[in-house]
N, C-alpha and C. Protein backbone atom coordinates (compact mmCIF):
# COMPACT_ATOMS: atom_id res chain seq x y z
N MET A 1 199.85 174.74 29.34
CA MET A 1 199.65 175.82 28.79
C MET A 1 199.44 177.05 30.24
N SER A 2 197.93 176.92 30.99
CA SER A 2 198.32 177.60 32.01
C SER A 2 197.23 176.95 33.24
N ALA A 3 198.03 176.31 34.01
CA ALA A 3 197.17 175.97 34.85
C ALA A 3 196.50 177.09 35.94
N LYS A 4 197.06 178.08 35.97
CA LYS A 4 196.03 178.85 36.46
C LYS A 4 194.44 179.60 35.87
N LEU A 5 195.00 179.74 34.58
CA LEU A 5 193.83 179.91 33.87
C LEU A 5 192.88 179.01 33.66
N ALA A 6 193.21 177.95 33.80
CA ALA A 6 192.05 176.29 34.04
C ALA A 6 191.09 176.80 35.42
N ASP A 7 192.23 176.90 36.43
CA ASP A 7 191.14 176.99 37.58
C ASP A 7 190.30 178.20 37.65
N ILE A 8 191.17 179.24 37.06
CA ILE A 8 190.08 180.57 37.34
C ILE A 8 188.83 180.05 36.00
N LEU A 9 189.14 179.58 35.22
CA LEU A 9 187.72 179.18 34.85
C LEU A 9 186.89 178.35 34.78
N ASP A 10 187.68 177.39 35.33
CA ASP A 10 186.55 176.27 36.24
C ASP A 10 185.97 176.80 37.58
N ARG A 11 186.63 177.74 37.90
CA ARG A 11 185.97 178.07 39.13
C ARG A 11 184.75 179.58 38.83
N CYS A 12 184.81 179.72 37.85
CA CYS A 12 184.05 180.75 37.21
C CYS A 12 182.95 180.58 36.14
N ILE A 13 182.70 179.24 35.84
CA ILE A 13 182.10 178.72 34.59
C ILE A 13 180.58 179.20 34.94
N VAL A 14 179.89 179.35 36.24
CA VAL A 14 178.89 179.50 35.92
C VAL A 14 178.41 181.33 36.07
N ARG A 15 179.74 181.70 36.40
CA ARG A 15 179.16 183.31 35.72
C ARG A 15 179.29 183.77 34.82
N VAL A 16 180.30 183.02 34.16
CA VAL A 16 180.88 183.27 32.62
C VAL A 16 179.45 182.68 31.43
N LEU A 17 178.65 181.48 32.34
CA LEU A 17 177.26 181.13 31.64
C LEU A 17 176.34 182.14 31.91
N ASP A 18 176.21 182.90 33.11
CA ASP A 18 175.52 183.96 33.65
C ASP A 18 175.40 185.19 32.31
N GLU A 19 176.49 185.35 32.40
CA GLU A 19 177.07 186.35 31.65
C GLU A 19 176.70 186.27 30.31
N TRP A 20 177.10 185.26 29.60
CA TRP A 20 176.80 184.80 27.79
C TRP A 20 175.22 184.67 27.71
N ALA A 21 174.17 184.29 28.78
CA ALA A 21 173.07 184.15 28.79
C ALA A 21 172.22 185.27 28.74
N HIS A 22 172.69 186.04 30.05
CA HIS A 22 171.91 187.72 29.33
C HIS A 22 172.31 188.10 27.99
N SER A 23 173.52 188.22 27.59
CA SER A 23 173.95 188.57 25.88
C SER A 23 172.79 187.73 24.56
N ALA A 24 172.67 186.41 25.20
CA ALA A 24 171.91 185.31 24.24
C ALA A 24 170.39 185.55 24.30
N ARG A 25 170.20 186.50 25.19
CA ARG A 25 168.80 186.57 25.22
C ARG A 25 168.43 187.83 24.03
N SER A 26 169.05 188.10 23.66
CA SER A 26 168.55 189.19 22.17
C SER A 26 169.44 188.71 21.46
N SER A 27 169.68 187.47 21.23
CA SER A 27 170.01 186.79 19.98
C SER A 27 169.25 185.67 19.54
N GLU A 28 169.81 185.16 18.09
CA GLU A 28 168.68 184.00 17.56
C GLU A 28 168.57 183.07 18.65
N LEU A 29 169.84 182.92 19.34
CA LEU A 29 169.73 181.67 20.43
C LEU A 29 168.32 181.90 21.42
N GLU A 30 167.58 183.07 21.52
CA GLU A 30 166.43 182.97 21.68
C GLU A 30 165.16 182.35 21.81
N ALA A 31 165.01 182.32 20.34
CA ALA A 31 164.14 181.14 20.23
C ALA A 31 163.89 179.71 20.88
N LEU A 32 165.24 179.38 21.45
CA LEU A 32 165.04 177.60 21.76
C LEU A 32 165.10 177.79 23.69
N CYS A 33 164.51 176.80 24.08
CA CYS A 33 163.82 177.07 25.40
C CYS A 33 165.60 177.31 26.44
N GLU A 34 165.19 177.66 27.48
CA GLU A 34 166.41 177.97 28.20
C GLU A 34 167.53 176.79 28.08
N ALA A 35 167.17 175.50 28.51
CA ALA A 35 168.13 174.54 29.06
C ALA A 35 168.86 174.27 26.92
N ASP A 36 168.21 174.36 26.02
CA ASP A 36 168.92 174.03 24.64
C ASP A 36 169.50 175.09 24.34
N ARG A 37 169.40 176.73 24.95
CA ARG A 37 169.86 177.57 24.36
C ARG A 37 171.38 177.35 25.42
N VAL A 38 171.57 177.14 26.40
CA VAL A 38 173.16 176.75 26.69
C VAL A 38 173.55 175.53 26.15
N GLY A 39 172.84 174.90 25.80
CA GLY A 39 173.05 173.62 25.03
C GLY A 39 174.52 172.99 25.84
N ASP A 40 175.87 172.15 25.33
CA ASP A 40 176.84 172.15 25.82
C ASP A 40 177.84 173.10 26.13
N LEU A 41 177.30 174.36 26.27
CA LEU A 41 178.69 175.47 26.65
C LEU A 41 179.06 175.27 27.84
N GLU A 42 178.98 174.56 28.58
CA GLU A 42 179.07 174.40 30.11
C GLU A 42 180.30 172.93 29.80
N GLU A 43 179.92 172.07 29.34
CA GLU A 43 180.86 171.16 29.10
C GLU A 43 181.85 171.75 27.97
N VAL A 44 181.75 172.70 27.35
CA VAL A 44 182.97 173.18 26.32
C VAL A 44 183.74 173.74 27.07
N LEU A 45 183.23 174.43 28.17
CA LEU A 45 184.17 175.35 28.90
C LEU A 45 185.07 174.61 29.92
N ARG A 46 184.26 173.35 30.21
CA ARG A 46 185.07 172.78 31.28
C ARG A 46 186.28 171.95 30.70
N ALA A 47 185.82 171.62 29.60
CA ALA A 47 186.69 170.89 28.53
C ALA A 47 187.96 171.96 28.36
N MET A 48 187.49 173.04 27.64
CA MET A 48 188.39 174.05 27.43
C MET A 48 189.63 174.65 28.86
N ALA A 49 189.02 174.53 29.81
CA ALA A 49 189.96 174.56 31.27
C ALA A 49 190.88 173.46 31.26
N ALA A 50 190.16 172.30 31.39
CA ALA A 50 191.25 170.87 31.08
C ALA A 50 192.07 171.22 30.04
N ALA A 51 191.83 171.75 28.77
CA ALA A 51 193.02 171.63 28.09
C ALA A 51 193.96 172.59 28.00
N PHE A 52 193.77 173.87 29.04
CA PHE A 52 194.64 174.58 29.20
C PHE A 52 195.65 174.34 30.43
N ARG A 53 195.30 173.39 30.82
CA ARG A 53 196.09 172.96 32.15
C ARG A 53 197.32 172.10 31.45
N PRO A 54 198.72 172.16 31.80
CA PRO A 54 200.07 171.49 31.80
C PRO A 54 199.57 170.21 31.11
N VAL A 55 199.99 169.64 29.81
CA VAL A 55 199.75 168.02 29.52
C VAL A 55 200.72 167.31 30.15
N ARG A 56 200.43 166.28 30.48
CA ARG A 56 200.57 165.02 31.66
C ARG A 56 200.56 163.76 30.20
N ASP A 57 201.42 162.94 30.25
CA ASP A 57 201.63 161.55 29.66
C ASP A 57 200.08 161.00 29.56
N GLY A 58 199.71 160.44 28.25
CA GLY A 58 198.74 160.13 28.16
C GLY A 58 197.06 160.53 28.44
N MET A 59 197.10 161.75 28.93
CA MET A 59 196.22 162.85 28.73
C MET A 59 195.96 163.29 27.12
N GLY A 60 194.55 163.00 26.86
CA GLY A 60 194.07 163.69 25.56
C GLY A 60 192.98 164.65 25.88
N THR A 61 193.73 165.59 26.62
CA THR A 61 192.61 166.79 26.77
C THR A 61 192.08 167.35 25.75
N VAL A 62 193.31 168.13 24.92
CA VAL A 62 193.22 169.06 23.76
C VAL A 62 192.13 167.80 22.87
N ASP A 63 192.52 166.95 22.96
CA ASP A 63 191.31 165.93 21.76
C ASP A 63 190.07 166.10 22.62
N ASP A 64 189.70 165.70 24.03
CA ASP A 64 188.46 165.53 24.47
C ASP A 64 188.01 166.94 24.27
N PHE A 65 188.37 167.96 24.65
CA PHE A 65 187.85 169.42 23.99
C PHE A 65 187.51 169.69 22.99
N ILE A 66 188.65 169.39 21.74
CA ILE A 66 187.76 169.41 20.55
C ILE A 66 186.54 168.21 19.87
N GLU A 67 186.50 167.05 20.69
CA GLU A 67 185.35 166.97 20.35
C GLU A 67 184.14 167.25 21.25
N THR A 68 184.23 167.70 22.51
CA THR A 68 183.41 168.19 23.24
C THR A 68 182.46 169.49 22.44
N ALA A 69 183.76 170.14 21.35
CA ALA A 69 183.16 171.52 21.02
C ALA A 69 182.83 170.99 19.91
N ALA A 70 182.94 170.00 18.86
CA ALA A 70 182.48 169.41 17.88
C ALA A 70 181.06 169.22 18.13
N GLY A 71 180.80 167.94 19.32
CA GLY A 71 179.87 167.57 19.36
C GLY A 71 178.65 168.96 19.98
N HIS A 72 179.27 169.94 20.58
CA HIS A 72 178.13 171.28 20.80
C HIS A 72 178.04 171.72 19.38
N GLY A 73 179.02 171.59 18.52
CA GLY A 73 178.47 172.21 17.10
C GLY A 73 177.02 171.50 16.35
N ALA A 74 177.22 170.06 16.47
CA ALA A 74 176.37 168.86 15.95
C ALA A 74 175.03 169.23 16.50
N ARG A 75 175.20 169.39 17.97
CA ARG A 75 173.73 169.42 18.71
C ARG A 75 172.92 170.93 17.93
N ARG A 76 173.60 171.92 17.71
CA ARG A 76 173.27 172.92 17.30
C ARG A 76 172.46 172.82 16.01
N ARG A 77 173.13 171.95 15.29
CA ARG A 77 172.87 171.84 13.60
C ARG A 77 171.50 171.02 13.93
N ALA A 78 171.24 169.94 14.79
CA ALA A 78 170.44 169.22 14.97
C ALA A 78 169.05 170.04 15.58
N GLN A 79 169.46 171.15 16.41
CA GLN A 79 168.57 171.89 16.92
C GLN A 79 168.04 173.06 16.03
N GLY A 80 168.17 172.75 14.67
CA GLY A 80 168.04 173.59 13.75
C GLY A 80 168.43 175.41 13.56
N VAL A 81 169.20 175.24 14.63
CA VAL A 81 170.06 176.61 14.50
C VAL A 81 170.92 176.77 13.11
N ALA A 82 170.83 178.22 12.96
CA ALA A 82 171.55 178.58 11.47
C ALA A 82 173.06 178.16 12.09
N GLU A 83 173.81 178.36 10.84
CA GLU A 83 175.34 178.50 11.30
C GLU A 83 175.85 179.62 11.43
N SER A 84 175.19 180.78 11.13
CA SER A 84 175.71 181.86 11.57
C SER A 84 175.51 182.24 12.97
N CYS A 85 174.60 181.35 13.44
CA CYS A 85 174.64 181.50 14.85
C CYS A 85 175.14 181.00 15.57
N LEU A 86 176.34 180.16 15.32
CA LEU A 86 177.53 179.64 15.71
C LEU A 86 178.59 180.69 16.38
N PHE A 87 178.61 181.49 15.14
CA PHE A 87 179.76 182.66 15.45
C PHE A 87 179.26 183.44 16.47
N GLU A 88 177.70 183.66 16.46
CA GLU A 88 176.89 184.94 17.35
C GLU A 88 177.61 184.17 18.51
N GLU A 89 176.97 183.16 18.96
CA GLU A 89 177.02 182.42 20.03
C GLU A 89 178.66 182.38 20.48
N TYR A 90 179.71 182.22 19.56
CA TYR A 90 180.98 182.40 20.26
C TYR A 90 181.57 183.98 20.63
N ASP A 91 180.76 184.69 19.64
CA ASP A 91 181.21 185.87 19.67
C ASP A 91 180.64 186.73 21.13
N LEU A 92 179.57 186.46 21.74
CA LEU A 92 178.97 186.64 22.96
C LEU A 92 179.86 185.64 23.68
N LEU A 93 180.02 184.93 23.87
CA LEU A 93 181.10 184.00 24.85
C LEU A 93 182.13 184.84 24.72
N GLY A 94 182.81 185.02 23.50
CA GLY A 94 184.28 185.88 23.86
C GLY A 94 183.88 187.24 24.79
N SER A 95 182.90 187.60 24.64
CA SER A 95 182.85 188.84 25.22
C SER A 95 182.46 188.45 26.75
N ALA A 96 181.91 187.73 27.17
CA ALA A 96 181.36 187.31 28.40
C ALA A 96 182.38 186.76 29.04
N LEU A 97 183.13 186.18 28.84
CA LEU A 97 184.84 185.48 29.28
C LEU A 97 185.37 186.14 30.22
N PRO A 98 185.93 187.39 29.38
CA PRO A 98 186.97 188.26 29.96
C PRO A 98 185.97 188.68 31.06
N LEU A 99 184.60 189.73 31.32
CA LEU A 99 183.77 190.41 31.67
C LEU A 99 183.68 189.48 33.03
N ALA A 100 183.22 187.97 32.95
CA ALA A 100 182.87 187.13 33.92
C ALA A 100 184.21 186.93 34.95
N LEU A 101 185.49 186.65 33.93
CA LEU A 101 186.24 186.47 34.97
C LEU A 101 186.98 187.45 35.51
N GLY A 102 186.80 188.47 35.12
CA GLY A 102 187.08 190.16 35.60
C GLY A 102 186.30 190.19 36.92
N THR A 103 185.33 190.10 37.09
CA THR A 103 184.21 189.79 38.07
C THR A 103 184.16 188.73 39.10
N CYS A 104 184.86 187.94 39.04
CA CYS A 104 184.66 186.66 39.55
C CYS A 104 185.17 186.71 40.80
N PRO A 105 184.91 186.65 42.02
CA PRO A 105 185.35 186.78 43.29
C PRO A 105 186.44 186.02 43.52
N GLY A 106 187.52 186.76 43.77
CA GLY A 106 188.75 186.28 44.24
C GLY A 106 190.22 186.47 43.46
N VAL A 107 189.37 186.72 41.90
CA VAL A 107 190.42 186.23 40.55
C VAL A 107 191.16 187.86 40.35
N SER A 108 192.35 187.14 40.23
CA SER A 108 193.36 188.65 39.79
C SER A 108 193.01 189.26 38.12
N PRO A 109 193.21 190.34 37.93
CA PRO A 109 193.07 190.34 36.14
C PRO A 109 193.69 189.31 35.94
N LEU A 110 193.22 189.27 34.44
CA LEU A 110 193.92 188.30 33.73
C LEU A 110 195.44 188.89 32.89
N THR A 111 196.30 188.49 32.84
CA THR A 111 197.63 188.99 32.06
C THR A 111 197.44 188.54 30.73
N ALA A 112 198.00 189.59 30.06
CA ALA A 112 197.99 189.71 28.43
C ALA A 112 198.35 188.18 27.83
N GLU A 113 199.24 187.31 28.39
CA GLU A 113 199.37 186.01 28.09
C GLU A 113 198.16 184.99 28.13
N GLU A 114 197.51 185.23 29.15
CA GLU A 114 196.34 184.43 29.53
C GLU A 114 195.03 184.94 28.67
N LEU A 115 194.81 186.36 28.51
CA LEU A 115 194.07 186.67 27.29
C LEU A 115 194.08 185.54 25.68
N VAL A 116 195.59 186.04 25.67
CA VAL A 116 195.73 185.17 24.13
C VAL A 116 195.43 183.87 24.28
N VAL A 117 195.69 183.06 25.43
CA VAL A 117 195.62 181.80 25.37
C VAL A 117 193.99 181.60 25.63
N LEU A 118 193.36 182.63 26.09
CA LEU A 118 191.51 182.39 26.23
C LEU A 118 190.81 182.48 24.81
N GLU A 119 191.84 183.64 24.03
CA GLU A 119 191.49 183.47 22.75
C GLU A 119 191.22 182.68 21.70
N GLY A 120 192.47 181.89 21.97
CA GLY A 120 193.35 180.59 20.98
C GLY A 120 192.27 179.47 21.59
N GLY A 121 192.11 179.35 22.96
CA GLY A 121 190.75 178.50 23.24
C GLY A 121 189.26 178.66 22.22
N LEU A 122 188.89 180.37 22.24
CA LEU A 122 187.86 180.21 21.69
C LEU A 122 187.66 180.04 20.32
N THR A 123 189.10 180.62 19.63
CA THR A 123 189.13 180.11 18.33
C THR A 123 189.38 178.58 18.04
N THR A 124 189.62 177.83 18.83
CA THR A 124 190.05 176.20 18.96
C THR A 124 188.27 175.77 18.66
N ALA A 125 187.78 176.20 19.61
CA ALA A 125 186.34 175.69 20.07
C ALA A 125 185.38 176.04 18.55
N ILE A 126 185.43 177.19 18.20
CA ILE A 126 184.63 177.85 17.19
C ILE A 126 185.11 176.35 15.80
N LEU A 127 186.35 176.71 15.59
CA LEU A 127 187.03 175.78 14.64
C LEU A 127 186.25 174.38 14.91
N ALA A 128 186.14 173.97 15.94
CA ALA A 128 185.50 172.20 16.00
C ALA A 128 184.34 172.65 16.09
N GLY A 129 183.76 173.53 16.40
CA GLY A 129 182.03 173.68 16.77
C GLY A 129 181.77 173.88 15.04
N LEU A 130 181.95 174.08 14.32
CA LEU A 130 181.89 174.41 12.95
C LEU A 130 181.87 173.16 11.88
N ARG A 131 182.99 172.39 12.56
CA ARG A 131 183.16 171.02 11.86
C ARG A 131 181.95 169.92 12.77
N GLY A 132 181.72 169.98 13.67
CA GLY A 132 180.80 169.35 14.10
C GLY A 132 179.43 169.54 13.55
N PHE A 133 179.16 170.86 13.21
CA PHE A 133 177.64 171.60 12.53
C PHE A 133 177.83 170.68 11.32
N HIS A 134 179.26 170.84 10.39
CA HIS A 134 178.97 170.33 9.41
C HIS A 134 179.38 168.85 9.15
N ARG A 135 179.75 168.44 10.18
CA ARG A 135 180.44 166.82 9.99
C ARG A 135 179.79 166.09 8.99
N GLY A 136 178.75 166.07 8.57
CA GLY A 136 178.52 164.61 7.33
C GLY A 136 179.37 165.74 6.17
N GLU A 137 178.94 166.68 5.72
CA GLU A 137 180.15 167.57 4.71
C GLU A 137 181.65 166.77 4.88
N PHE A 138 182.06 166.94 6.26
CA PHE A 138 183.26 166.56 6.16
C PHE A 138 183.91 165.00 6.23
N GLU A 139 182.75 164.42 6.95
CA GLU A 139 183.20 163.12 6.55
C GLU A 139 183.15 162.35 5.40
N ARG A 140 182.20 163.28 4.17
CA ARG A 140 182.22 162.65 2.92
C ARG A 140 183.86 163.44 2.23
N ARG A 141 184.60 163.78 2.58
CA ARG A 141 185.92 164.20 2.37
C ARG A 141 187.08 163.53 2.69
N GLY A 142 186.71 163.01 4.27
CA GLY A 142 187.80 162.36 4.72
C GLY A 142 187.27 161.86 6.18
N PRO A 143 188.63 160.94 6.89
CA PRO A 143 188.12 160.85 8.32
C PRO A 143 187.47 161.53 8.77
N TRP A 144 186.82 161.49 9.99
CA TRP A 144 186.42 162.60 10.90
C TRP A 144 187.60 162.65 11.89
N HIS A 145 188.29 161.53 12.42
CA HIS A 145 189.49 162.08 13.40
C HIS A 145 190.46 163.06 12.32
N GLU A 146 190.90 162.77 11.20
CA GLU A 146 191.42 163.78 10.63
C GLU A 146 190.90 165.25 10.11
N THR A 147 189.80 165.26 10.14
CA THR A 147 189.03 166.40 10.09
C THR A 147 189.42 167.15 11.42
N LEU A 148 189.16 166.65 12.45
CA LEU A 148 189.15 167.04 13.66
C LEU A 148 190.69 167.41 14.16
N ALA A 149 191.74 166.23 13.57
CA ALA A 149 193.03 167.13 14.16
C ALA A 149 193.45 168.02 13.28
N ARG A 150 192.74 168.57 12.18
CA ARG A 150 193.33 170.09 11.63
C ARG A 150 193.00 170.91 12.29
N VAL A 151 192.21 170.88 13.45
CA VAL A 151 191.68 171.93 14.25
C VAL A 151 192.74 172.57 14.77
N VAL A 152 193.30 171.66 15.65
CA VAL A 152 194.28 172.35 16.12
C VAL A 152 195.35 173.14 15.49
N SER A 153 195.85 172.65 14.56
CA SER A 153 196.78 173.15 13.53
C SER A 153 196.45 174.72 12.97
N GLU A 154 195.10 174.84 12.60
CA GLU A 154 194.11 176.03 12.15
C GLU A 154 194.18 176.98 12.92
N ALA A 155 193.79 176.64 14.09
CA ALA A 155 193.76 177.28 15.28
C ALA A 155 194.87 177.71 15.75
N SER A 156 196.36 177.27 15.22
CA SER A 156 197.64 177.78 15.65
C SER A 156 197.84 178.56 14.92
N GLU A 157 197.69 178.77 13.47
CA GLU A 157 198.23 179.27 12.58
C GLU A 157 197.46 180.56 12.48
N MET A 158 195.94 180.76 13.01
CA MET A 158 195.36 181.87 13.22
C MET A 158 196.01 182.63 13.85
N GLU A 159 195.98 182.17 15.03
CA GLU A 159 196.68 182.76 16.45
C GLU A 159 197.86 183.33 15.55
N ALA A 160 198.92 182.43 14.97
CA ALA A 160 200.24 183.04 14.59
C ALA A 160 199.69 184.39 14.07
N GLY A 161 199.14 184.38 12.92
CA GLY A 161 198.77 185.25 11.97
C GLY A 161 198.63 186.61 12.76
N ARG A 162 198.00 186.27 13.66
CA ARG A 162 197.33 187.53 14.72
C ARG A 162 198.52 188.44 15.15
N GLU A 163 199.73 187.70 15.57
CA GLU A 163 200.70 187.89 16.91
C GLU A 163 201.55 188.42 15.65
N ARG A 164 201.78 188.49 14.49
CA ARG A 164 202.58 189.07 13.37
C ARG A 164 202.43 190.49 13.29
N PRO A 165 203.31 191.41 13.11
CA PRO A 165 203.09 192.55 12.93
C PRO A 165 202.81 192.55 11.39
N ARG A 166 201.68 193.45 11.35
CA ARG A 166 201.22 193.69 9.75
C ARG A 166 202.57 194.56 8.72
N GLU A 167 202.73 194.05 7.79
CA GLU A 167 203.52 194.62 7.27
C GLU A 167 202.90 196.13 6.16
N THR A 168 203.69 196.98 6.43
CA THR A 168 203.55 198.36 5.65
C THR A 168 203.53 198.33 4.50
N GLN A 169 202.99 198.91 3.34
CA GLN A 169 203.18 199.56 2.05
C GLN A 169 204.06 200.25 1.84
N PRO A 170 205.30 200.38 0.76
CA PRO A 170 205.79 201.77 0.51
C PRO A 170 205.00 202.86 -0.02
């Protein structure tokens, strides 16, 4: 993927979380104490950064990222957070990421390709987070590892759909 983007994200996670926390104060997450409000987002971002790095044999960084994001969704459910809050949380994160990365010291502006990779990472995180939130329901329909395996293909399909030009009606 992008080692440069992974390095930038690793270096700027604190700034991203600060920006996210500022936005989250006026959301449903405000009802949670500060430590619970952030939850596992730092781990999700670190796992995302690792997944952005070029793949090496034997490394399961994408799988680790998906497991971490699913775990975050499960934690949100255990906290009693509504499912809609997951969408809001990742929407806020989607706004915070480019803003924080753009103001992080020593970081050059992200390229269009890096922004697409970042958006793909967020899409993957929310899909995995929703599965974690609804793990019990998914497990009743099939093995958990198969449920998580579908996250990458679904995220890829969603990204491919965004990249395709819309057809116009005659």
